[in-house]
Amino acid sequence: MGRKWNNIKNKKASKDANTSSVYAKFGLEIYVAAKKGEPDPDSNRALKVVLERAKTYNVPKAIIDRAIDKAKGSSDEIYEELRYEGFGPNGTMIIVDSLTNNVNRTAPVVRSTFNKNGGNMGVSGSVAYMFDSTAVIGLEGKTVDEVIEILLETDVDDVRDVVDEEEAVIVYAGPEQFHAVQEALKSVGISEFTVAELTMLPQAYVSLDEDGLAQFEKLIDALEELEDVQQVYHNVDFGE
């Protein structure tokens, strides 16, 4: 499908490795997930998803433990999950997911960031219909055929694709299959995953020329650097 997931993830991880922002964002996401249910991944599926994602980004155990301990405590901080949709240069599409304790602060900042970087924020539903919620699981040590056989022998449904990308096998499945795919692979000895994400994938990618790509990347970087922003999804192919 040409999604180049590992290339995209590795570039983002390389950039984020220069700052502590990725760890801070995970700390907040872990806290919110733990606060909404039991602070135990065995009984809290949302927390389990976040922790699986955190492993692939090498989030330190101390940050994970601190976030969970905070959720167990008496903290009464309330965060809301908000989604913003918008357009970048040349009609490109962007989804911004945020966690915020101040809605009145976040929306204007996101809108301003779009406007200052050649984009504009749209209304709810203006972009999301062109994306699919998808579980993305990556692993090494197995071939595509071996992974397909493993999944066929289990109760995993809604597997959308299994492909070889940059020496890793990537499984694309329905979001509700996130845990099922992992458990199927763990049952045959896979203990580490190169990717473990619940994401929004565009139904089609678009390409930009060099100038357009540079402008678009500036917008994405600005959005990702916002304190309240957790994830940014888009439909631009950055190539290799």
Protein backbone atom coordinates (compact mmCIF):
# COMPACT_ATOMS: atom_id res chain seq x y z
CA MET A 1 0.00 0.00 0.00
CA GLY A 2 3.02 2.26 -0.04
CA ARG A 3 2.47 3.72 3.43
CA LYS A 4 6.18 3.49 4.36
CA TRP A 5 5.17 3.29 8.01
CA ASN A 6 8.63 2.51 9.39
CA ASN A 7 10.22 5.40 7.48
CA ILE A 8 7.62 7.81 8.83
CA LYS A 9 7.86 6.52 12.39
CA ASN A 10 11.66 6.45 12.41
CA LYS A 11 11.90 10.02 11.13
CA LYS A 12 9.48 11.20 13.81
CA ALA A 13 11.26 9.21 16.54
CA SER A 14 14.62 10.63 15.43
CA LYS A 15 13.27 14.18 15.61
CA ASP A 16 11.54 13.65 18.95
CA ALA A 17 14.65 12.03 20.42
CA ASN A 18 16.24 15.50 20.53
CA THR A 19 13.66 16.75 23.03
CA SER A 20 11.69 15.50 26.01
CA SER A 21 8.37 16.43 24.39
CA VAL A 22 7.50 12.91 23.28
CA TYR A 23 7.97 11.61 26.82
CA ALA A 24 5.88 14.42 28.29
CA LYS A 25 3.07 13.70 25.84
CA PHE A 26 3.14 10.00 26.67
CA GLY A 27 3.17 10.79 30.38
CA LEU A 28 -0.01 12.82 30.00
CA GLU A 29 -1.69 10.23 27.79
CA ILE A 30 -0.85 7.46 30.27
CA TYR A 31 -2.19 9.55 33.15
CA VAL A 32 -5.48 10.29 31.36
CA ALA A 33 -5.98 6.65 30.31
CA ALA A 34 -5.23 5.40 33.83
CA LYS A 35 -7.48 8.03 35.39
CA LYS A 36 -10.46 7.07 33.22
CA GLY A 37 -10.39 3.45 34.38
CA GLU A 38 -8.39 1.21 36.64
CA PRO A 39 -4.67 2.12 36.69
CA ASP A 40 -3.91 -1.46 35.64
CA PRO A 41 -3.37 -2.38 31.96
CA ASP A 42 -4.78 -5.87 32.54
CA SER A 43 -8.21 -4.38 33.23
CA ASN A 44 -7.91 -1.09 31.34
CA ARG A 45 -7.64 -1.63 27.58
CA ALA A 46 -7.07 2.05 26.79
CA LEU A 47 -4.13 2.13 29.17
CA LYS A 48 -2.75 -1.09 27.69
CA VAL A 49 -2.79 0.45 24.20
CA VAL A 50 -0.88 3.53 25.38
CA LEU A 51 1.70 1.41 27.20
CA GLU A 52 2.26 -0.76 24.14
CA ARG A 53 2.81 2.37 22.06
CA ALA A 54 5.15 3.81 24.68
CA LYS A 55 7.36 0.72 24.47
CA THR A 56 8.04 1.33 20.79
CA TYR A 57 9.17 4.88 21.57
CA ASN A 58 11.41 3.74 24.45
CA VAL A 59 9.59 5.86 27.01
CA PRO A 60 11.49 5.47 30.30
CA LYS A 61 9.84 3.31 32.95
CA ALA A 62 10.19 6.13 35.48
CA ILE A 63 7.90 8.35 33.39
CA ILE A 64 5.35 5.58 32.98
CA ASP A 65 5.36 4.75 36.68
CA ARG A 66 5.08 8.42 37.65
CA ALA A 67 2.04 8.93 35.41
CA ILE A 68 0.29 5.83 36.76
CA ASP A 69 1.09 6.76 40.37
CA LYS A 70 -0.34 10.23 39.74
CA ALA A 71 -3.55 8.64 38.44
CA LYS A 72 -3.76 6.50 41.57
CA GLY A 73 -3.46 9.60 43.75
CA SER A 74 -5.85 12.38 44.53
CA SER A 75 -5.12 14.54 41.49
CA ASP A 76 -8.34 16.07 40.18
CA GLU A 77 -6.95 17.40 36.89
CA ILE A 78 -9.52 16.93 34.14
CA TYR A 79 -8.42 16.62 30.53
CA GLU A 80 -10.65 16.56 27.48
CA GLU A 81 -9.90 14.73 24.25
CA LEU A 82 -10.49 17.04 21.31
CA ARG A 83 -10.05 16.58 17.58
CA TYR A 84 -9.43 19.41 15.14
CA GLU A 85 -9.49 19.09 11.36
CA GLY A 86 -7.93 21.36 8.81
CA PHE A 87 -6.17 21.92 5.54
CA GLY A 88 -2.55 22.62 4.74
CA PRO A 89 -0.95 24.07 1.61
CA ASN A 90 -2.42 22.89 -1.71
CA GLY A 91 -5.51 21.42 -0.06
CA THR A 92 -3.63 18.82 1.99
CA MET A 93 -5.60 17.30 4.88
CA ILE A 94 -4.66 17.27 8.56
CA ILE A 95 -6.18 15.84 11.74
CA VAL A 96 -4.98 17.10 15.13
CA ASP A 97 -5.77 15.16 18.31
CA SER A 98 -5.27 16.93 21.62
CA LEU A 99 -5.56 16.44 25.35
CA THR A 100 -6.28 19.66 27.17
CA ASN A 101 -7.32 20.97 30.56
CA ASN A 102 -8.33 24.29 28.99
CA VAL A 103 -10.49 24.08 25.86
CA ASN A 104 -10.64 27.85 25.58
CA ARG A 105 -6.86 27.92 25.26
CA THR A 106 -6.32 25.06 22.84
CA ALA A 107 -8.68 25.82 19.97
CA PRO A 108 -7.40 29.38 19.32
CA VAL A 109 -3.78 28.21 19.48
CA VAL A 110 -4.38 25.39 17.00
CA ARG A 111 -6.28 27.73 14.68
CA SER A 112 -3.53 30.34 14.87
CA THR A 113 -0.87 27.74 14.11
CA PHE A 114 -2.74 26.67 10.99
CA ASN A 115 -3.17 30.28 9.86
CA LYS A 116 0.46 31.27 10.46
CA ASN A 117 1.77 28.34 8.43
CA GLY A 118 -0.26 28.45 5.25
CA GLY A 119 -3.22 26.36 6.41
CA ASN A 120 -6.69 26.82 7.80
CA MET A 121 -8.78 24.96 10.34
CA GLY A 122 -11.98 23.38 9.05
CA VAL A 123 -15.19 22.28 10.71
CA SER A 124 -15.70 18.91 12.36
CA GLY A 125 -16.04 16.20 9.72
CA SER A 126 -14.43 18.19 6.92
CA VAL A 127 -11.36 15.96 6.81
CA ALA A 128 -11.84 12.87 8.98
CA TYR A 129 -14.09 11.12 6.44
CA MET A 130 -11.01 10.71 4.21
CA PHE A 131 -9.11 8.79 6.90
CA ASP A 132 -9.57 5.33 8.41
CA SER A 133 -8.94 4.46 12.04
CA THR A 134 -6.35 1.69 11.86
CA ALA A 135 -4.28 -0.56 14.10
CA VAL A 136 -0.67 -0.77 12.90
CA ILE A 137 1.53 -3.52 14.33
CA GLY A 138 5.13 -4.01 13.17
CA LEU A 139 7.51 -6.86 13.89
CA GLU A 140 10.77 -8.45 12.81
CA GLY A 141 11.85 -12.07 12.52
CA LYS A 142 8.89 -13.33 10.48
CA THR A 143 7.98 -13.23 6.80
CA VAL A 144 4.75 -11.82 5.44
CA ASP A 145 3.52 -15.35 4.63
CA GLU A 146 4.34 -16.56 8.15
CA VAL A 147 2.46 -13.66 9.75
CA ILE A 148 -0.56 -14.19 7.50
CA GLU A 149 -0.63 -17.88 8.47
CA ILE A 150 -0.44 -17.00 12.17
CA LEU A 151 -3.33 -14.57 11.89
CA LEU A 152 -5.43 -17.01 9.86
CA GLU A 153 -5.05 -19.61 12.61
CA THR A 154 -6.40 -17.25 15.29
CA ASP A 155 -9.59 -15.30 15.87
CA VAL A 156 -8.19 -12.09 14.38
CA ASP A 157 -10.73 -10.40 12.10
CA ASP A 158 -10.53 -7.33 9.87
CA VAL A 159 -6.90 -7.67 8.80
CA ARG A 160 -6.61 -5.11 6.03
CA ASP A 161 -3.06 -5.75 4.82
CA VAL A 162 0.20 -7.46 5.75
CA VAL A 163 3.25 -6.03 3.99
CA ASP A 164 7.02 -5.97 4.11
CA GLU A 165 8.31 -2.47 4.80
CA GLU A 166 11.98 -1.71 5.44
CA GLU A 167 12.88 -5.22 6.67
CA ALA A 168 9.91 -5.36 9.04
CA VAL A 169 6.49 -6.88 8.56
CA ILE A 170 3.64 -4.44 9.13
CA VAL A 171 0.09 -5.57 9.90
CA TYR A 172 -2.74 -3.13 9.16
CA ALA A 173 -6.01 -4.07 10.86
CA GLY A 174 -9.23 -2.63 12.20
CA PRO A 175 -8.70 -0.61 15.41
CA GLU A 176 -10.64 -3.12 17.50
CA GLN A 177 -8.07 -5.78 16.48
CA PHE A 178 -5.09 -4.03 18.11
CA HIS A 179 -4.84 -6.42 21.04
CA ALA A 180 -5.93 -9.51 19.07
CA VAL A 181 -3.12 -9.08 16.53
CA GLN A 182 -0.53 -8.61 19.27
CA GLU A 183 -1.76 -11.60 21.26
CA ALA A 184 -1.70 -13.80 18.16
CA LEU A 185 1.90 -12.83 17.47
CA LYS A 186 2.93 -13.15 21.11
CA SER A 187 1.55 -16.69 21.10
CA VAL A 188 4.30 -17.73 18.66
CA GLY A 189 7.11 -16.03 20.57
CA ILE A 190 7.09 -12.45 19.27
CA SER A 191 7.78 -10.27 22.31
CA GLU A 192 8.93 -6.98 20.78
CA PHE A 193 7.13 -4.80 18.26
CA THR A 194 8.74 -2.14 16.09
CA VAL A 195 5.39 -0.38 15.74
CA ALA A 196 2.26 -0.53 17.90
CA GLU A 197 -0.11 2.26 16.99
CA LEU A 198 -3.77 3.15 16.78
CA THR A 199 -3.69 5.78 14.08
CA MET A 200 -5.63 7.56 11.36
CA LEU A 201 -4.44 6.58 7.88
CA PRO A 202 -5.49 8.54 4.79
CA GLN A 203 -7.43 6.69 2.12
CA ALA A 204 -5.10 8.26 -0.45
CA TYR A 205 -1.77 10.05 -0.24
CA VAL A 206 -0.83 13.20 -2.14
CA SER A 207 2.59 14.39 -3.28
CA LEU A 208 3.94 17.93 -3.11
CA ASP A 209 6.80 19.62 -4.90
CA GLU A 210 9.91 20.57 -2.94
CA ASP A 211 8.66 24.00 -1.89
CA GLY A 212 5.21 22.72 -0.98
CA LEU A 213 6.72 19.88 1.03
CA ALA A 214 8.94 22.26 2.98
CA GLN A 215 5.98 24.52 3.80
CA PHE A 216 3.84 21.56 4.79
CA GLU A 217 6.52 20.10 7.04
CA LYS A 218 6.86 23.47 8.78
CA LEU A 219 3.12 23.42 9.53
CA ILE A 220 3.21 19.85 10.83
CA ASP A 221 6.23 20.59 13.03
CA ALA A 222 4.51 23.67 14.47
CA LEU A 223 1.36 21.69 15.29
CA GLU A 224 3.29 18.80 16.86
CA GLU A 225 5.21 21.21 19.08
CA LEU A 226 2.03 22.57 20.69
CA GLU A 227 1.76 21.57 24.33
CA ASP A 228 -1.81 20.27 24.09
CA VAL A 229 -1.33 18.31 20.85
CA GLN A 230 -0.83 14.56 21.13
CA GLN A 231 -1.03 13.35 17.52
CA VAL A 232 -1.05 14.87 14.06
CA TYR A 233 -2.20 12.85 11.06
CA HIS A 234 -2.04 13.91 7.42
CA ASN A 235 -2.26 12.65 3.85
CA VAL A 236 1.09 13.81 2.44
CA ASP A 237 3.65 11.33 1.12
CA PHE A 238 7.09 12.47 2.33
CA GLY A 239 8.76 9.81 0.19
CA GLU A 240 11.86 7.95 1.33
